[in-house]
Amino acid sequence: MILWIPLQGWVAGFMMMSFPVVVIIHLVSIPIWFIVERKRALMPLIMVGLAVLFLPRTYSFGNDTDPDVLAKSFSVMNYNVHSFQRNEDLKDPQVRKSVSDMKAWMTSSEADILCMSEYFSDRGNLFNINRALDSSGYGHSAFYTKNTSGSPTQSAGLAIFSKYPIIAKRDTIFEAQNGLLQADIKIKGDTVRIIAVHLYSMTLKLSTLVRQKQVEGVKKEGKITFQRMRNGFVRRSAEMGILESWINASPHPVIVCGDFNEIPYGYVYSKMRGLLKNGFEEKGEGFGFTFNHLPYFIRIDHQFYSGDRLQIQDFTTFNNVDYSDHYPVMGHYQFSNADAGAAEQAKKD
């Protein structure tokens, strides 16, 4: 349904964002109407029935994965690292410890490929993430070709780190640190195209203001948030057009991952779902919420992949890793027999 609405359909965006709440209200109202007036229970029943169509986007029942199969796969993690907390009070020992712990978690990751949004690295000891990852086996990397940090000693924005060789790179910046970063990665004779994304951000500050009990600030920020969200629905729809052209132009199987700032009922998610398969829907478990601040119960970090050329074996949301305002997610993939066979034949030729 959402695909029939024009790109600038911000009204549709708000409607789809409120969809889960509307379904819950109808679900609660059904037994009440059965008691008060049964005929009026029909409409809530129909709404809940239609909501079942969106169940695969909302909840994944998970399934067991063969460890032997996982051992033969390659893994991709995407994580909005919130600039490794560099905007916090770095004089606070607890903050510095949290930064060090986060860096240690990242460098000990089992992922073969790391895709990070809101990435930050500096040549200073605490924030020299580039060096830490390089010395941990991630010897290949890709960044924006234009330095968005304003300092020659720093890297910021989107970043891809890989244990496998990167043979081609491409990027485009939409605004500030939002954009697309592409890397063609050679994995044992096969090539996969990784597209890291960070679509238009809404920068919600309500969580901080609620913690600080700033009532007037919450009211004011609520109005600003509405405008940001309205702009976001329009901007991300336009950005989706560029992303789609990148996907369609790829000669290799594609994995698109990152912070979409888009819940599973919006235009961009629906469009992506028509182009590629979604990792969480295929192999995730539970609701898979990825946002670590108000409103908490949303999933905006995604992985989409070429279902005809790749097979997903496992998908994990690390909701116990709370260093950032997002949780990291990771998928394990294998090349399909057709792609693996073509690569083997190319080596023989």
C-alpha atoms as a PDB file:
ATOM      1  CA  MET A   1       0.000   0.000   0.000  1.00  0.00           C
ATOM      2  CA  ILE A   2       2.743   2.454   1.003  1.00  0.00           C
ATOM      3  CA  LEU A   3       4.391   2.085  -2.431  1.00  0.00           C
ATOM      4  CA  TRP A   4       1.389   3.691  -4.099  1.00  0.00           C
ATOM      5  CA  ILE A   5       1.919   6.965  -2.252  1.00  0.00           C
ATOM      6  CA  PRO A   6       4.132   9.718  -3.782  1.00  0.00           C
ATOM      7  CA  LEU A   7       7.723  10.154  -2.586  1.00  0.00           C
ATOM      8  CA  GLN A   8       6.797  13.334  -0.721  1.00  0.00           C
ATOM      9  CA  GLY A   9       4.071  11.482   1.174  1.00  0.00           C
ATOM     10  CA  TRP A  10       5.095  12.539   4.684  1.00  0.00           C
ATOM     11  CA  VAL A  11       1.485  12.091   5.822  1.00  0.00           C
ATOM     12  CA  ALA A  12       1.753   8.453   4.786  1.00  0.00           C
ATOM     13  CA  GLY A  13       5.016   8.267   6.734  1.00  0.00           C
ATOM     14  CA  PHE A  14       3.342   9.361   9.956  1.00  0.00           C
ATOM     15  CA  MET A  15       0.426   7.014   9.301  1.00  0.00           C
ATOM     16  CA  MET A  16       2.712   4.023   8.846  1.00  0.00           C
ATOM     17  CA  MET A  17       4.831   4.969  11.863  1.00  0.00           C
ATOM     18  CA  SER A  18       1.713   4.978  14.051  1.00  0.00           C
ATOM     19  CA  PHE A  19       0.580   1.634  12.621  1.00  0.00           C
ATOM     20  CA  PRO A  20       1.771  -0.563  15.558  1.00  0.00           C
ATOM     21  CA  VAL A  21       0.043   1.712  18.097  1.00  0.00           C
ATOM     22  CA  VAL A  22      -3.200   1.659  16.104  1.00  0.00           C
ATOM     23  CA  VAL A  23      -3.106  -2.146  15.948  1.00  0.00           C
ATOM     24  CA  ILE A  24      -2.573  -2.414  19.714  1.00  0.00           C
ATOM     25  CA  ILE A  25      -5.508  -0.057  20.370  1.00  0.00           C
ATOM     26  CA  HIS A  26      -7.768  -2.146  18.125  1.00  0.00           C
ATOM     27  CA  LEU A  27      -6.542  -5.348  19.754  1.00  0.00           C
ATOM     28  CA  VAL A  28      -7.396  -4.024  23.222  1.00  0.00           C
ATOM     29  CA  SER A  29     -10.789  -2.731  22.058  1.00  0.00           C
ATOM     30  CA  ILE A  30     -11.991  -6.074  20.635  1.00  0.00           C
ATOM     31  CA  PRO A  31     -12.978  -7.725  23.963  1.00  0.00           C
ATOM     32  CA  ILE A  32     -14.508  -4.444  25.155  1.00  0.00           C
ATOM     33  CA  TRP A  33     -16.758  -4.166  22.090  1.00  0.00           C
ATOM     34  CA  PHE A  34     -17.726  -7.838  22.391  1.00  0.00           C
ATOM     35  CA  ILE A  35     -19.064  -7.056  25.849  1.00  0.00           C
ATOM     36  CA  VAL A  36     -20.666  -3.679  25.044  1.00  0.00           C
ATOM     37  CA  GLU A  37     -21.814  -4.016  21.413  1.00  0.00           C
ATOM     38  CA  ARG A  38     -20.641  -6.980  19.344  1.00  0.00           C
ATOM     39  CA  LYS A  39     -21.291  -5.419  15.945  1.00  0.00           C
ATOM     40  CA  ARG A  40     -18.714  -2.714  16.657  1.00  0.00           C
ATOM     41  CA  ALA A  41     -16.037  -5.351  17.233  1.00  0.00           C
ATOM     42  CA  LEU A  42     -16.057  -6.139  13.497  1.00  0.00           C
ATOM     43  CA  MET A  43     -13.890  -3.181  12.426  1.00  0.00           C
ATOM     44  CA  PRO A  44     -11.144  -3.811  15.033  1.00  0.00           C
ATOM     45  CA  LEU A  45     -11.171  -7.480  14.015  1.00  0.00           C
ATOM     46  CA  ILE A  46     -10.664  -6.535  10.368  1.00  0.00           C
ATOM     47  CA  MET A  47      -7.821  -4.153  11.287  1.00  0.00           C
ATOM     48  CA  VAL A  48      -6.063  -6.796  13.369  1.00  0.00           C
ATOM     49  CA  GLY A  49      -6.574  -9.298  10.546  1.00  0.00           C
ATOM     50  CA  LEU A  50      -4.924  -6.921   8.071  1.00  0.00           C
ATOM     51  CA  ALA A  51      -2.080  -6.358  10.535  1.00  0.00           C
ATOM     52  CA  VAL A  52      -1.138 -10.023  10.198  1.00  0.00           C
ATOM     53  CA  LEU A  53       0.201  -9.129   6.735  1.00  0.00           C
ATOM     54  CA  PHE A  54       2.845  -7.000   8.469  1.00  0.00           C
ATOM     55  CA  LEU A  55       3.823  -9.674  11.000  1.00  0.00           C
ATOM     56  CA  PRO A  56       6.953 -10.812   9.084  1.00  0.00           C
ATOM     57  CA  ARG A  57       8.261  -7.231   9.195  1.00  0.00           C
ATOM     58  CA  THR A  58       7.574  -6.977  12.913  1.00  0.00           C
ATOM     59  CA  TYR A  59       8.526 -10.259  14.548  1.00  0.00           C
ATOM     60  CA  SER A  60      10.836 -13.105  13.598  1.00  0.00           C
ATOM     61  CA  PHE A  61      10.531 -16.531  15.179  1.00  0.00           C
ATOM     62  CA  GLY A  62      14.170 -17.475  14.606  1.00  0.00           C
ATOM     63  CA  ASN A  63      15.553 -20.913  13.888  1.00  0.00           C
ATOM     64  CA  ASP A  64      18.562 -23.048  14.688  1.00  0.00           C
ATOM     65  CA  THR A  65      21.708 -22.664  12.626  1.00  0.00           C
ATOM     66  CA  ASP A  66      24.193 -25.442  11.921  1.00  0.00           C
ATOM     67  CA  PRO A  67      27.603 -24.449  13.408  1.00  0.00           C
ATOM     68  CA  ASP A  68      29.355 -26.195  10.506  1.00  0.00           C
ATOM     69  CA  VAL A  69      27.459 -24.016   8.037  1.00  0.00           C
ATOM     70  CA  LEU A  70      28.310 -20.858  10.000  1.00  0.00           C
ATOM     71  CA  ALA A  71      31.985 -21.779   9.895  1.00  0.00           C
ATOM     72  CA  LYS A  72      31.857 -21.633   6.082  1.00  0.00           C
ATOM     73  CA  SER A  73      30.026 -18.290   5.942  1.00  0.00           C
ATOM     74  CA  PHE A  74      31.230 -14.686   6.092  1.00  0.00           C
ATOM     75  CA  SER A  75      29.763 -12.221   8.567  1.00  0.00           C
ATOM     76  CA  VAL A  76      28.726  -8.586   8.223  1.00  0.00           C
ATOM     77  CA  MET A  77      28.048  -6.311  11.188  1.00  0.00           C
ATOM     78  CA  ASN A  78      26.545  -2.843  11.051  1.00  0.00           C
ATOM     79  CA  TYR A  79      26.618  -0.506  14.016  1.00  0.00           C
ATOM     80  CA  ASN A  80      25.827   3.163  14.559  1.00  0.00           C
ATOM     81  CA  VAL A  81      28.658   3.859  17.012  1.00  0.00           C
ATOM     82  CA  HIS A  82      27.503   7.378  17.988  1.00  0.00           C
ATOM     83  CA  SER A  83      31.008   8.791  17.331  1.00  0.00           C
ATOM     84  CA  PHE A  84      32.360   6.541  20.083  1.00  0.00           C
ATOM     85  CA  GLN A  85      30.888   8.985  22.642  1.00  0.00           C
ATOM     86  CA  ARG A  86      33.377  11.710  21.759  1.00  0.00           C
ATOM     87  CA  ASN A  87      30.767  14.397  22.478  1.00  0.00           C
ATOM     88  CA  GLU A  88      30.353  13.238  26.078  1.00  0.00           C
ATOM     89  CA  ASP A  89      32.342  14.605  29.037  1.00  0.00           C
ATOM     90  CA  LEU A  90      35.711  12.980  28.371  1.00  0.00           C
ATOM     91  CA  LYS A  91      37.040  14.200  31.717  1.00  0.00           C
ATOM     92  CA  ASP A  92      34.655  11.762  33.379  1.00  0.00           C
ATOM     93  CA  PRO A  93      36.532   8.492  34.144  1.00  0.00           C
ATOM     94  CA  GLN A  94      33.349   6.489  33.538  1.00  0.00           C
ATOM     95  CA  VAL A  95      32.969   7.945  30.050  1.00  0.00           C
ATOM     96  CA  ARG A  96      36.599   7.225  29.197  1.00  0.00           C
ATOM     97  CA  LYS A  97      36.201   3.662  30.469  1.00  0.00           C
ATOM     98  CA  SER A  98      33.049   3.243  28.370  1.00  0.00           C
ATOM     99  CA  VAL A  99      34.919   4.465  25.267  1.00  0.00           C
ATOM    100  CA  SER A 100      37.751   2.009  25.948  1.00  0.00           C
ATOM    101  CA  ASP A 101      35.291  -0.841  26.558  1.00  0.00           C
ATOM    102  CA  MET A 102      33.451  -0.058  23.326  1.00  0.00           C
ATOM    103  CA  LYS A 103      36.698   0.010  21.375  1.00  0.00           C
ATOM    104  CA  ALA A 104      37.715  -3.319  22.933  1.00  0.00           C
ATOM    105  CA  TRP A 105      34.364  -4.865  22.002  1.00  0.00           C
ATOM    106  CA  MET A 106      34.686  -3.701  18.405  1.00  0.00           C
ATOM    107  CA  THR A 107      38.273  -4.927  17.986  1.00  0.00           C
ATOM    108  CA  SER A 108      37.376  -8.348  19.389  1.00  0.00           C
ATOM    109  CA  SER A 109      34.353  -8.698  17.105  1.00  0.00           C
ATOM    110  CA  GLU A 110      33.961 -11.949  15.188  1.00  0.00           C
ATOM    111  CA  ALA A 111      32.580 -10.089  12.161  1.00  0.00           C
ATOM    112  CA  ASP A 112      34.552 -10.341   8.926  1.00  0.00           C
ATOM    113  CA  ILE A 113      33.189  -7.004   7.705  1.00  0.00           C
ATOM    114  CA  LEU A 114      32.310  -4.015   9.911  1.00  0.00           C
ATOM    115  CA  CYS A 115      30.064  -1.218   8.633  1.00  0.00           C
ATOM    116  CA  MET A 116      29.778   1.782  10.931  1.00  0.00           C
ATOM    117  CA  SER A 117      27.731   4.953  10.773  1.00  0.00           C
ATOM    118  CA  GLU A 118      28.571   8.038  12.858  1.00  0.00           C
ATOM    119  CA  TYR A 119      32.107   6.661  12.861  1.00  0.00           C
ATOM    120  CA  PHE A 120      34.926   8.682  14.383  1.00  0.00           C
ATOM    121  CA  SER A 121      38.659   8.128  14.653  1.00  0.00           C
ATOM    122  CA  ASP A 122      41.502  10.424  15.666  1.00  0.00           C
ATOM    123  CA  ARG A 123      45.221   9.839  15.871  1.00  0.00           C
ATOM    124  CA  GLY A 124      45.030  10.513  19.605  1.00  0.00           C
ATOM    125  CA  ASN A 125      45.338   7.395  21.769  1.00  0.00           C
ATOM    126  CA  LEU A 126      41.762   7.195  23.076  1.00  0.00           C
ATOM    127  CA  PHE A 127      40.065   7.604  19.691  1.00  0.00           C
ATOM    128  CA  ASN A 128      42.583   5.991  17.361  1.00  0.00           C
ATOM    129  CA  ILE A 129      40.006   3.451  16.208  1.00  0.00           C
ATOM    130  CA  ASN A 130      41.598   3.091  12.762  1.00  0.00           C
ATOM    131  CA  ARG A 131      44.837   1.784  14.234  1.00  0.00           C
ATOM    132  CA  ALA A 132      43.053  -0.442  16.761  1.00  0.00           C
ATOM    133  CA  LEU A 133      40.968  -2.145  14.066  1.00  0.00           C
ATOM    134  CA  ASP A 134      43.887  -2.459  11.651  1.00  0.00           C
ATOM    135  CA  SER A 135      45.973  -4.224  14.294  1.00  0.00           C
ATOM    136  CA  SER A 136      43.015  -6.524  15.066  1.00  0.00           C
ATOM    137  CA  GLY A 137      42.904  -8.027  11.579  1.00  0.00           C
ATOM    138  CA  TYR A 138      40.795  -5.472   9.729  1.00  0.00           C
ATOM    139  CA  GLY A 139      43.530  -4.602   7.252  1.00  0.00           C
ATOM    140  CA  HIS A 140      41.241  -3.171   4.557  1.00  0.00           C
ATOM    141  CA  SER A 141      39.034  -0.103   4.941  1.00  0.00           C
ATOM    142  CA  ALA A 142      36.895   2.443   3.116  1.00  0.00           C
ATOM    143  CA  PHE A 143      35.851   5.955   4.162  1.00  0.00           C
ATOM    144  CA  TYR A 144      34.273   9.005   2.584  1.00  0.00           C
ATOM    145  CA  THR A 145      36.700  10.468   0.045  1.00  0.00           C
ATOM    146  CA  LYS A 146      35.806  13.925   1.391  1.00  0.00           C
ATOM    147  CA  ASN A 147      36.855  14.513   4.996  1.00  0.00           C
ATOM    148  CA  THR A 148      33.687  15.480   6.898  1.00  0.00           C
ATOM    149  CA  SER A 149      35.415  16.008  10.253  1.00  0.00           C
ATOM    150  CA  GLY A 150      37.309  19.160   9.294  1.00  0.00           C
ATOM    151  CA  SER A 151      40.618  17.795  10.572  1.00  0.00           C
ATOM    152  CA  PRO A 152      43.291  15.898   8.584  1.00  0.00           C
ATOM    153  CA  THR A 153      43.994  13.690  11.621  1.00  0.00           C
ATOM    154  CA  GLN A 154      40.403  12.471  11.852  1.00  0.00           C
ATOM    155  CA  SER A 155      38.012  10.136  10.012  1.00  0.00           C
ATOM    156  CA  ALA A 156      34.264  10.607  10.370  1.00  0.00           C
ATOM    157  CA  GLY A 157      30.966   9.525   8.824  1.00  0.00           C
ATOM    158  CA  LEU A 158      30.499   6.094   7.279  1.00  0.00           C
ATOM    159  CA  ALA A 159      33.281   3.509   7.454  1.00  0.00           C
ATOM    160  CA  ILE A 160      33.773  -0.075   6.268  1.00  0.00           C
ATOM    161  CA  PHE A 161      36.479  -2.341   7.696  1.00  0.00           C
ATOM    162  CA  SER A 162      37.168  -5.770   6.237  1.00  0.00           C
ATOM    163  CA  LYS A 163      39.373  -8.774   6.884  1.00  0.00           C
ATOM    164  CA  TYR A 164      39.112  -9.485   3.147  1.00  0.00           C
ATOM    165  CA  PRO A 165      40.561  -7.340   0.324  1.00  0.00           C
ATOM    166  CA  ILE A 166      38.542  -4.339  -0.867  1.00  0.00           C
ATOM    167  CA  ILE A 167      38.981  -4.086  -4.643  1.00  0.00           C
ATOM    168  CA  ALA A 168      36.774  -1.053  -5.407  1.00  0.00           C
ATOM    169  CA  LYS A 169      35.183   1.836  -3.500  1.00  0.00           C
ATOM    170  CA  ARG A 170      32.566   4.501  -4.085  1.00  0.00           C
ATOM    171  CA  ASP A 171      30.742   7.035  -1.925  1.00  0.00           C
ATOM    172  CA  THR A 172      28.305   9.913  -1.928  1.00  0.00           C
ATOM    173  CA  ILE A 173      27.459  12.314   0.887  1.00  0.00           C
ATOM    174  CA  PHE A 174      23.894  13.583   1.237  1.00  0.00           C
ATOM    175  CA  GLU A 175      24.379  15.996   4.116  1.00  0.00           C
ATOM    176  CA  ALA A 176      26.788  16.215   7.066  1.00  0.00           C
ATOM    177  CA  GLN A 177      27.729  12.567   7.698  1.00  0.00           C
ATOM    178  CA  ASN A 178      24.693  10.987   6.033  1.00  0.00           C
ATOM    179  CA  GLY A 179      25.277   9.179   2.751  1.00  0.00           C
ATOM    180  CA  LEU A 180      26.257   5.926   1.039  1.00  0.00           C
ATOM    181  CA  LEU A 181      29.596   4.096   1.086  1.00  0.00           C
ATOM    182  CA  GLN A 182      30.225   1.160  -1.249  1.00  0.00           C
ATOM    183  CA  ALA A 183      32.989  -1.455  -1.183  1.00  0.00           C
ATOM    184  CA  ASP A 184      33.492  -4.459  -3.466  1.00  0.00           C
ATOM    185  CA  ILE A 185      35.080  -7.156  -1.310  1.00  0.00           C
ATOM    186  CA  LYS A 186      36.849 -10.261  -2.594  1.00  0.00           C
ATOM    187  CA  ILE A 187      36.032 -13.325  -0.495  1.00  0.00           C
ATOM    188  CA  LYS A 188      37.791 -16.547  -1.499  1.00  0.00           C
ATOM    189  CA  GLY A 189      37.266 -16.073  -5.233  1.00  0.00           C
ATOM    190  CA  ASP A 190      33.821 -14.486  -4.977  1.00  0.00           C
ATOM    191  CA  THR A 191      32.980 -10.795  -4.808  1.00  0.00           C
ATOM    192  CA  VAL A 192      30.257  -9.167  -2.722  1.00  0.00           C
ATOM    193  CA  ARG A 193      29.239  -5.519  -2.922  1.00  0.00           C
ATOM    194  CA  ILE A 194      28.696  -3.970   0.500  1.00  0.00           C
ATOM    195  CA  ILE A 195      26.724  -0.723   0.584  1.00  0.00           C
ATOM    196  CA  ALA A 196      26.800   0.974   3.982  1.00  0.00           C
ATOM    197  CA  VAL A 197      24.014   3.511   4.453  1.00  0.00           C
ATOM    198  CA  HIS A 198      23.147   6.293   6.841  1.00  0.00           C
ATOM    199  CA  LEU A 199      19.960   7.947   5.672  1.00  0.00           C
ATOM    200  CA  TYR A 200      18.600  11.306   6.822  1.00  0.00           C
ATOM    201  CA  SER A 201      18.724  11.568  10.608  1.00  0.00           C
ATOM    202  CA  MET A 202      16.004  13.003  12.806  1.00  0.00           C
ATOM    203  CA  THR A 203      18.291  13.589  15.840  1.00  0.00           C
ATOM    204  CA  LEU A 204      15.695  12.959  18.531  1.00  0.00           C
ATOM    205  CA  LYS A 205      16.627  14.655  21.837  1.00  0.00           C
ATOM    206  CA  LEU A 206      13.475  13.799  23.774  1.00  0.00           C
ATOM    207  CA  SER A 207      15.185  11.025  25.745  1.00  0.00           C
ATOM    208  CA  THR A 208      17.809  13.403  27.169  1.00  0.00           C
ATOM    209  CA  LEU A 209      15.231  16.061  28.055  1.00  0.00           C
ATOM    210  CA  VAL A 210      12.975  13.526  29.785  1.00  0.00           C
ATOM    211  CA  ARG A 211      15.913  12.319  31.889  1.00  0.00           C
ATOM    212  CA  GLN A 212      16.674  15.936  32.810  1.00  0.00           C
ATOM    213  CA  LYS A 213      12.964  16.541  33.594  1.00  0.00           C
ATOM    214  CA  GLN A 214      12.882  19.630  31.381  1.00  0.00           C
ATOM    215  CA  VAL A 215       9.126  19.854  30.793  1.00  0.00           C
ATOM    216  CA  GLU A 216       9.232  23.006  28.651  1.00  0.00           C
ATOM    217  CA  GLY A 217      12.183  21.599  26.744  1.00  0.00           C
ATOM    218  CA  VAL A 218      10.202  18.436  25.999  1.00  0.00           C
ATOM    219  CA  LYS A 219       7.290  20.503  24.630  1.00  0.00           C
ATOM    220  CA  LYS A 220       9.567  22.608  22.445  1.00  0.00           C
ATOM    221  CA  GLU A 221      11.599  19.631  21.269  1.00  0.00           C
ATOM    222  CA  GLY A 222       8.358  17.781  20.502  1.00  0.00           C
ATOM    223  CA  LYS A 223       7.428  20.454  17.932  1.00  0.00           C
ATOM    224  CA  ILE A 224      10.939  20.457  16.452  1.00  0.00           C
ATOM    225  CA  THR A 225      10.902  16.652  16.325  1.00  0.00           C
ATOM    226  CA  PHE A 226       7.664  16.726  14.322  1.00  0.00           C
ATOM    227  CA  GLN A 227       9.330  18.968  11.721  1.00  0.00           C
ATOM    228  CA  ARG A 228      12.435  16.775  11.611  1.00  0.00           C
ATOM    229  CA  MET A 229      10.330  13.666  11.126  1.00  0.00           C
ATOM    230  CA  ARG A 230       8.269  15.338   8.415  1.00  0.00           C
ATOM    231  CA  ASN A 231      11.437  16.385   6.567  1.00  0.00           C
ATOM    232  CA  GLY A 232      12.928  12.954   7.168  1.00  0.00           C
ATOM    233  CA  PHE A 233      10.154  11.084   5.373  1.00  0.00           C
ATOM    234  CA  VAL A 234      10.617  13.293   2.311  1.00  0.00           C
ATOM    235  CA  ARG A 235      14.431  13.314   2.323  1.00  0.00           C
ATOM    236  CA  ARG A 236      14.852   9.566   2.815  1.00  0.00           C
ATOM    237  CA  SER A 237      12.461   8.888  -0.047  1.00  0.00           C
ATOM    238  CA  ALA A 238      14.692  10.940  -2.354  1.00  0.00           C
ATOM    239  CA  GLU A 239      17.845   9.257  -1.004  1.00  0.00           C
ATOM    240  CA  MET A 240      16.225   5.903  -1.697  1.00  0.00           C
ATOM    241  CA  GLY A 241      16.209   6.731  -5.410  1.00  0.00           C
ATOM    242  CA  ILE A 242      20.008   7.029  -5.415  1.00  0.00           C
ATOM    243  CA  LEU A 243      20.424   3.874  -3.354  1.00  0.00           C
ATOM    244  CA  GLU A 244      18.167   1.929  -5.722  1.00  0.00           C
ATOM    245  CA  SER A 245      20.281   2.958  -8.718  1.00  0.00           C
ATOM    246  CA  TRP A 246      23.419   1.701  -6.945  1.00  0.00           C
ATOM    247  CA  ILE A 247      21.781  -1.636  -6.190  1.00  0.00           C
ATOM    248  CA  ASN A 248      20.503  -2.120  -9.738  1.00  0.00           C
ATOM    249  CA  ALA A 249      23.907  -1.267 -11.237  1.00  0.00           C
ATOM    250  CA  SER A 250      25.770  -3.920  -9.257  1.00  0.00           C
ATOM    251  CA  PRO A 251      27.248  -6.887 -11.165  1.00  0.00           C
ATOM    252  CA  HIS A 252      27.861  -8.583  -7.809  1.00  0.00           C
ATOM    253  CA  PRO A 253      25.529  -9.847  -5.097  1.00  0.00           C
ATOM    254  CA  VAL A 254      24.707  -6.976  -2.750  1.00  0.00           C
ATOM    255  CA  ILE A 255      24.398  -6.496   0.995  1.00  0.00           C
ATOM    256  CA  VAL A 256      22.958  -3.125   2.011  1.00  0.00           C
ATOM    257  CA  CYS A 257      23.260  -2.367   5.700  1.00  0.00           C
ATOM    258  CA  GLY A 258      23.266   0.469   8.182  1.00  0.00           C
ATOM    259  CA  ASP A 259      21.141   3.053   9.945  1.00  0.00           C
ATOM    260  CA  PHE A 260      18.142   3.665   7.697  1.00  0.00           C
ATOM    261  CA  ASN A 261      16.320   5.815  10.287  1.00  0.00           C
ATOM    262  CA  GLU A 262      13.268   3.961   8.978  1.00  0.00           C
ATOM    263  CA  ILE A 263      10.936   1.543  10.751  1.00  0.00           C
ATOM    264  CA  PRO A 264       9.705  -1.600   8.926  1.00  0.00           C
ATOM    265  CA  TYR A 265       6.433   0.009   7.776  1.00  0.00           C
ATOM    266  CA  GLY A 266       7.811   3.043   5.931  1.00  0.00           C
ATOM    267  CA  TYR A 267       8.304   3.787   2.252  1.00  0.00           C
ATOM    268  CA  VAL A 268      12.065   3.153   2.156  1.00  0.00           C
ATOM    269  CA  TYR A 269      11.810  -0.176   3.971  1.00  0.00           C
ATOM    270  CA  SER A 270       8.975  -1.296   1.707  1.00  0.00           C
ATOM    271  CA  LYS A 271      10.937  -0.264  -1.381  1.00  0.00           C
ATOM    272  CA  MET A 272      14.054  -2.095  -0.167  1.00  0.00           C
ATOM    273  CA  ARG A 273      11.962  -5.142   0.633  1.00  0.00           C
ATOM    274  CA  GLY A 274      10.833  -5.202  -2.996  1.00  0.00           C
ATOM    275  CA  LEU A 275      14.442  -5.160  -4.221  1.00  0.00           C
ATOM    276  CA  LEU A 276      16.190  -7.429  -1.721  1.00  0.00           C
ATOM    277  CA  LYS A 277      15.518  -9.801   1.152  1.00  0.00           C
ATOM    278  CA  ASN A 278      15.746  -8.621   4.753  1.00  0.00           C
ATOM    279  CA  GLY A 279      18.171 -10.383   7.090  1.00  0.00           C
ATOM    280  CA  PHE A 280      16.089  -9.976  10.237  1.00  0.00           C
ATOM    281  CA  GLU A 281      12.913 -11.230   8.590  1.00  0.00           C
ATOM    282  CA  GLU A 282      14.691 -14.342   7.311  1.00  0.00           C
ATOM    283  CA  LYS A 283      16.860 -15.317  10.291  1.00  0.00           C
ATOM    284  CA  GLY A 284      16.271 -12.890  13.163  1.00  0.00           C
ATOM    285  CA  GLU A 285      14.588 -13.554  16.476  1.00  0.00           C
ATOM    286  CA  GLY A 286      11.934 -11.641  18.422  1.00  0.00           C
ATOM    287  CA  PHE A 287      11.230  -7.989  17.671  1.00  0.00           C
ATOM    288  CA  GLY A 288      14.877  -7.117  17.054  1.00  0.00           C
ATOM    289  CA  PHE A 289      14.609  -3.545  18.332  1.00  0.00           C
ATOM    290  CA  THR A 290      17.810  -1.633  17.552  1.00  0.00           C
ATOM    291  CA  PHE A 291      17.298   1.802  19.155  1.00  0.00           C
ATOM    292  CA  ASN A 292      18.669   2.290  22.669  1.00  0.00           C
ATOM    293  CA  HIS A 293      16.751   5.491  23.565  1.00  0.00           C
ATOM    294  CA  LEU A 294      13.183   6.729  23.537  1.00  0.00           C
ATOM    295  CA  PRO A 295      10.983   5.396  22.025  1.00  0.00           C
ATOM    296  CA  TYR A 296      13.095   2.182  22.384  1.00  0.00           C
ATOM    297  CA  PHE A 297      10.645  -0.200  20.670  1.00  0.00           C
ATOM    298  CA  ILE A 298      11.748   0.512  17.091  1.00  0.00           C
ATOM    299  CA  ARG A 299      13.983  -1.251  14.581  1.00  0.00           C
ATOM    300  CA  ILE A 300      15.759   1.202  12.271  1.00  0.00           C
ATOM    301  CA  ASP A 301      19.077  -0.587  11.634  1.00  0.00           C
ATOM    302  CA  HIS A 302      18.727  -3.156   8.854  1.00  0.00           C
ATOM    303  CA  GLN A 303      20.501  -5.562   6.522  1.00  0.00           C
ATOM    304  CA  PHE A 304      19.126  -6.324   3.052  1.00  0.00           C
ATOM    305  CA  TYR A 305      20.747  -8.807   0.673  1.00  0.00           C
ATOM    306  CA  SER A 306      20.469 -10.347  -2.809  1.00  0.00           C
ATOM    307  CA  GLY A 307      18.302 -13.350  -2.041  1.00  0.00           C
ATOM    308  CA  ASP A 308      18.902 -14.940  -5.431  1.00  0.00           C
ATOM    309  CA  ARG A 309      22.704 -14.877  -5.092  1.00  0.00           C
ATOM    310  CA  LEU A 310      23.307 -15.048  -1.351  1.00  0.00           C
ATOM    311  CA  GLN A 311      21.980 -17.245   1.434  1.00  0.00           C
ATOM    312  CA  ILE A 312      21.673 -15.941   4.980  1.00  0.00           C
ATOM    313  CA  GLN A 313      22.526 -18.438   7.717  1.00  0.00           C
ATOM    314  CA  ASP A 314      22.083 -16.398  10.887  1.00  0.00           C
ATOM    315  CA  PHE A 315      21.082 -12.920  12.077  1.00  0.00           C
ATOM    316  CA  THR A 316      21.759 -11.482  15.540  1.00  0.00           C
ATOM    317  CA  THR A 317      20.769  -8.272  17.318  1.00  0.00           C
ATOM    318  CA  PHE A 318      23.205  -7.514  20.142  1.00  0.00           C
ATOM    319  CA  ASN A 319      20.751  -5.829  22.512  1.00  0.00           C
ATOM    320  CA  ASN A 320      23.118  -6.344  25.451  1.00  0.00           C
ATOM    321  CA  VAL A 321      25.740  -4.070  23.852  1.00  0.00           C
ATOM    322  CA  ASP A 322      24.624  -0.655  25.063  1.00  0.00           C
ATOM    323  CA  TYR A 323      27.605   1.632  24.444  1.00  0.00           C
ATOM    324  CA  SER A 324      25.736   3.613  21.783  1.00  0.00           C
ATOM    325  CA  ASP A 325      22.179   4.813  21.196  1.00  0.00           C
ATOM    326  CA  HIS A 326      21.884   1.929  18.707  1.00  0.00           C
ATOM    327  CA  TYR A 327      22.471  -1.804  19.043  1.00  0.00           C
ATOM    328  CA  PRO A 328      24.749  -3.584  16.560  1.00  0.00           C
ATOM    329  CA  VAL A 329      23.351  -6.295  14.268  1.00  0.00           C
ATOM    330  CA  MET A 330      25.203  -9.033  12.388  1.00  0.00           C
ATOM    331  CA  GLY A 331      24.326 -11.444   9.588  1.00  0.00           C
ATOM    332  CA  HIS A 332      26.160 -14.549   8.364  1.00  0.00           C
ATOM    333  CA  TYR A 333      26.044 -15.133   4.594  1.00  0.00           C
ATOM    334  CA  GLN A 334      27.107 -17.656   1.973  1.00  0.00           C
ATOM    335  CA  PHE A 335      27.322 -17.277  -1.783  1.00  0.00           C
ATOM    336  CA  SER A 336      24.741 -19.326  -3.664  1.00  0.00           C
ATOM    337  CA  ASN A 337      25.943 -22.339  -5.636  1.00  0.00           C
ATOM    338  CA  ALA A 338      25.557 -20.456  -8.930  1.00  0.00           C
ATOM    339  CA  ASP A 339      27.793 -17.566  -7.837  1.00  0.00           C
ATOM    340  CA  ALA A 340      30.334 -19.841  -6.190  1.00  0.00           C
ATOM    341  CA  GLY A 341      30.459 -22.001  -9.317  1.00  0.00           C
ATOM    342  CA  ALA A 342      30.945 -18.991 -11.586  1.00  0.00           C
ATOM    343  CA  ALA A 343      33.826 -17.760  -9.440  1.00  0.00           C
ATOM    344  CA  GLU A 344      35.476 -21.168  -9.511  1.00  0.00           C
ATOM    345  CA  GLN A 345      35.146 -21.343 -13.301  1.00  0.00           C
ATOM    346  CA  ALA A 346      36.627 -17.842 -13.645  1.00  0.00           C
ATOM    347  CA  LYS A 347      39.686 -18.947 -11.679  1.00  0.00           C
ATOM    348  CA  LYS A 348      40.148 -21.959 -13.989  1.00  0.00           C
ATOM    349  CA  ASP A 349      39.795 -19.793 -17.115  1.00  0.00           C
END
